[in-house]
Amino acid sequence: MLLVEDEPHKKEELTASLQGFFAGGAELEHVDSVSAAYSAVSERDYDLIILDMALPTFTAEGDAAGRGYDQAQGGVEVLRALKSRNLRAKIIIITQYPDITFGGKRLKLTEAPKVLSRRYNQDVVGSVLYKYRSPSNHTKLTALLKKFL
């Protein structure tokens, strides 16, 4: 399983939810940028990817200045990488935004899984509108995991 998340508090919260759901029995790899995620999906297959849609270009080496700018659609680059390798994974989108801009149009977060699944030939099983330290994050993530895994 791959967790693509660059914010430490979100990483901590999502990791705890995933480990709780899988009772610590799942192997979880973490990356925190578009380039690191691209490398990860190029090197191995993942049965599940938890994907934040807003990611920096690079992993910071020392200071934040080297990370590049956050890409509001950085997660789309990861979807493109999977498609280019003819790989298909179950993906759960995590984002703090109620809409995703895609192809010049705004998609409601509830519509995004269907549209992104079709466009990138992936199994985007759902999305979680992340709210800082909210119990709803765990509830929504767990519900998606139960429904689709």
Protein backbone atom coordinates (compact mmCIF):
# COMPACT_ATOMS: atom_id res chain seq x y z
CA MET A 1 0.00 0.00 0.00
CA LEU A 2 1.28 3.46 -0.87
CA LEU A 3 0.44 6.66 1.02
CA VAL A 4 1.19 9.79 -1.03
CA GLU A 5 0.98 12.67 1.43
CA ASP A 6 3.31 15.58 2.19
CA GLU A 7 1.73 17.14 5.29
CA PRO A 8 3.03 15.54 8.52
CA HIS A 9 -0.25 15.85 10.50
CA LYS A 10 -2.25 14.26 7.67
CA LYS A 11 0.35 11.53 7.21
CA GLU A 12 0.21 10.73 10.94
CA GLU A 13 -3.59 10.68 11.03
CA LEU A 14 -4.00 8.62 7.84
CA THR A 15 -1.30 6.16 8.89
CA ALA A 16 -3.05 5.58 12.23
CA SER A 17 -6.38 4.96 10.45
CA LEU A 18 -4.83 2.56 7.95
CA GLN A 19 -2.89 0.63 10.60
CA GLY A 20 -6.01 0.41 12.74
CA PHE A 21 -8.12 -0.85 9.85
CA PHE A 22 -5.58 -3.46 8.79
CA ALA A 23 -4.69 -4.29 12.42
CA GLY A 24 -1.06 -3.41 11.72
CA GLY A 25 -0.87 -6.18 9.12
CA ALA A 26 -0.46 -4.06 6.01
CA GLU A 27 2.84 -2.94 4.56
CA LEU A 28 2.65 0.83 4.18
CA GLU A 29 5.12 2.83 2.13
CA HIS A 30 5.07 6.63 2.32
CA VAL A 31 6.19 9.21 -0.23
CA ASP A 32 5.70 12.96 -0.08
CA SER A 33 6.03 14.45 -3.56
CA VAL A 34 5.05 13.99 -7.19
CA SER A 35 8.56 12.86 -8.16
CA ALA A 36 8.81 10.34 -5.29
CA ALA A 37 5.35 8.95 -6.10
CA TYR A 38 6.25 8.68 -9.78
CA SER A 39 9.40 6.72 -8.84
CA ALA A 40 7.47 4.48 -6.45
CA VAL A 41 4.77 3.50 -8.97
CA SER A 42 7.45 3.03 -11.64
CA GLU A 43 9.36 0.57 -9.46
CA ARG A 44 6.59 -1.59 -8.05
CA ASP A 45 2.87 -2.35 -8.13
CA TYR A 46 0.54 -1.30 -5.31
CA ASP A 47 -2.84 -2.82 -4.57
CA LEU A 48 -4.00 0.38 -2.85
CA ILE A 49 -2.85 3.99 -3.13
CA ILE A 50 -4.04 6.72 -0.77
CA LEU A 51 -3.42 9.83 -2.86
CA ASP A 52 -3.41 13.46 -1.81
CA MET A 53 -4.24 15.57 -4.84
CA ALA A 54 -2.10 18.57 -3.83
CA LEU A 55 1.59 17.67 -3.68
CA PRO A 56 4.94 19.44 -4.04
CA THR A 57 7.05 18.59 -7.05
CA PHE A 58 10.04 17.22 -5.12
CA THR A 59 10.88 15.75 -1.73
CA ALA A 60 12.72 18.34 0.39
CA GLU A 61 16.36 17.68 1.06
CA GLY A 62 17.10 19.82 4.08
CA ASP A 63 14.88 22.85 3.56
CA ALA A 64 11.47 23.52 2.08
CA ALA A 65 12.85 25.77 -0.68
CA GLY A 66 13.98 22.76 -2.70
CA ARG A 67 10.53 21.18 -2.80
CA GLY A 68 9.27 23.30 -5.64
CA TYR A 69 5.76 24.63 -5.66
CA ASP A 70 2.79 22.66 -4.46
CA GLN A 71 0.83 21.42 -7.43
CA ALA A 72 -2.89 21.61 -6.78
CA GLN A 73 -3.21 18.72 -9.24
CA GLY A 74 -0.03 16.85 -8.29
CA GLY A 75 -2.10 13.73 -7.71
CA VAL A 76 -3.14 13.77 -11.36
CA GLU A 77 0.54 13.35 -12.29
CA VAL A 78 0.59 10.14 -10.26
CA LEU A 79 -2.52 8.92 -12.10
CA ARG A 80 -0.81 9.70 -15.41
CA ALA A 81 2.25 7.71 -14.32
CA LEU A 82 0.11 4.69 -13.54
CA LYS A 83 -1.67 4.92 -16.88
CA SER A 84 1.61 5.30 -18.79
CA ARG A 85 2.85 2.04 -17.24
CA ASN A 86 -0.45 0.29 -18.00
CA LEU A 87 -0.94 -0.28 -14.28
CA ARG A 88 -4.25 -0.25 -12.47
CA ALA A 89 -4.67 0.24 -8.73
CA LYS A 90 -7.41 0.94 -6.24
CA ILE A 91 -7.04 4.60 -5.29
CA ILE A 92 -8.62 6.69 -2.57
CA ILE A 93 -8.31 10.44 -3.05
CA ILE A 94 -7.61 12.66 -0.04
CA THR A 95 -7.97 16.41 -0.43
CA GLN A 96 -8.82 19.52 1.55
CA TYR A 97 -10.68 21.00 -1.42
CA PRO A 98 -14.37 20.36 -2.15
CA ASP A 99 -13.69 20.61 -5.92
CA ILE A 100 -10.95 19.36 -8.22
CA THR A 101 -10.01 21.30 -11.34
CA PHE A 102 -9.62 18.86 -14.20
CA GLY A 103 -9.44 19.65 -17.90
CA GLY A 104 -10.24 23.29 -17.19
CA LYS A 105 -13.46 22.38 -15.38
CA ARG A 106 -14.30 22.16 -11.73
CA LEU A 107 -15.46 18.75 -10.59
CA LYS A 108 -17.28 18.21 -7.34
CA LEU A 109 -15.27 15.85 -5.17
CA THR A 110 -18.15 13.37 -5.30
CA GLU A 111 -17.89 13.25 -9.13
CA ALA A 112 -14.09 13.06 -9.30
CA PRO A 113 -13.66 9.30 -8.73
CA LYS A 114 -15.82 8.39 -11.72
CA VAL A 115 -14.23 10.95 -14.07
CA LEU A 116 -10.64 10.22 -13.00
CA SER A 117 -11.21 6.46 -13.17
CA ARG A 118 -12.36 6.74 -16.78
CA ARG A 119 -9.69 9.21 -17.88
CA TYR A 120 -6.72 7.40 -16.31
CA ASN A 121 -7.98 3.80 -16.43
CA GLN A 122 -7.78 3.44 -12.66
CA ASP A 123 -10.12 2.23 -9.95
CA VAL A 124 -10.61 5.47 -8.00
CA VAL A 125 -12.93 4.03 -5.40
CA GLY A 126 -13.79 7.23 -3.57
CA SER A 127 -12.63 10.43 -2.00
CA VAL A 128 -12.26 11.93 1.45
CA LEU A 129 -12.67 15.65 2.04
CA TYR A 130 -9.99 16.03 4.68
CA LYS A 131 -10.66 18.30 7.66
CA TYR A 132 -7.86 18.99 10.13
CA ARG A 133 -7.96 16.49 13.01
CA SER A 134 -11.61 15.63 12.42
CA PRO A 135 -13.02 12.20 13.38
CA SER A 136 -14.85 12.26 10.04
CA ASN A 137 -11.54 11.60 8.24
CA HIS A 138 -11.19 8.20 9.90
CA THR A 139 -14.88 7.42 9.47
CA LYS A 140 -14.91 8.22 5.75
CA LEU A 141 -11.62 6.43 5.04
CA THR A 142 -12.72 3.33 6.94
CA ALA A 143 -16.08 3.26 5.13
CA LEU A 144 -14.31 3.36 1.75
CA LEU A 145 -11.90 0.63 2.78
CA LYS A 146 -14.78 -1.61 3.95
CA LYS A 147 -16.82 -0.98 0.83
CA PHE A 148 -14.15 -1.57 -1.78
CA LEU A 149 -11.54 -3.90 -0.26
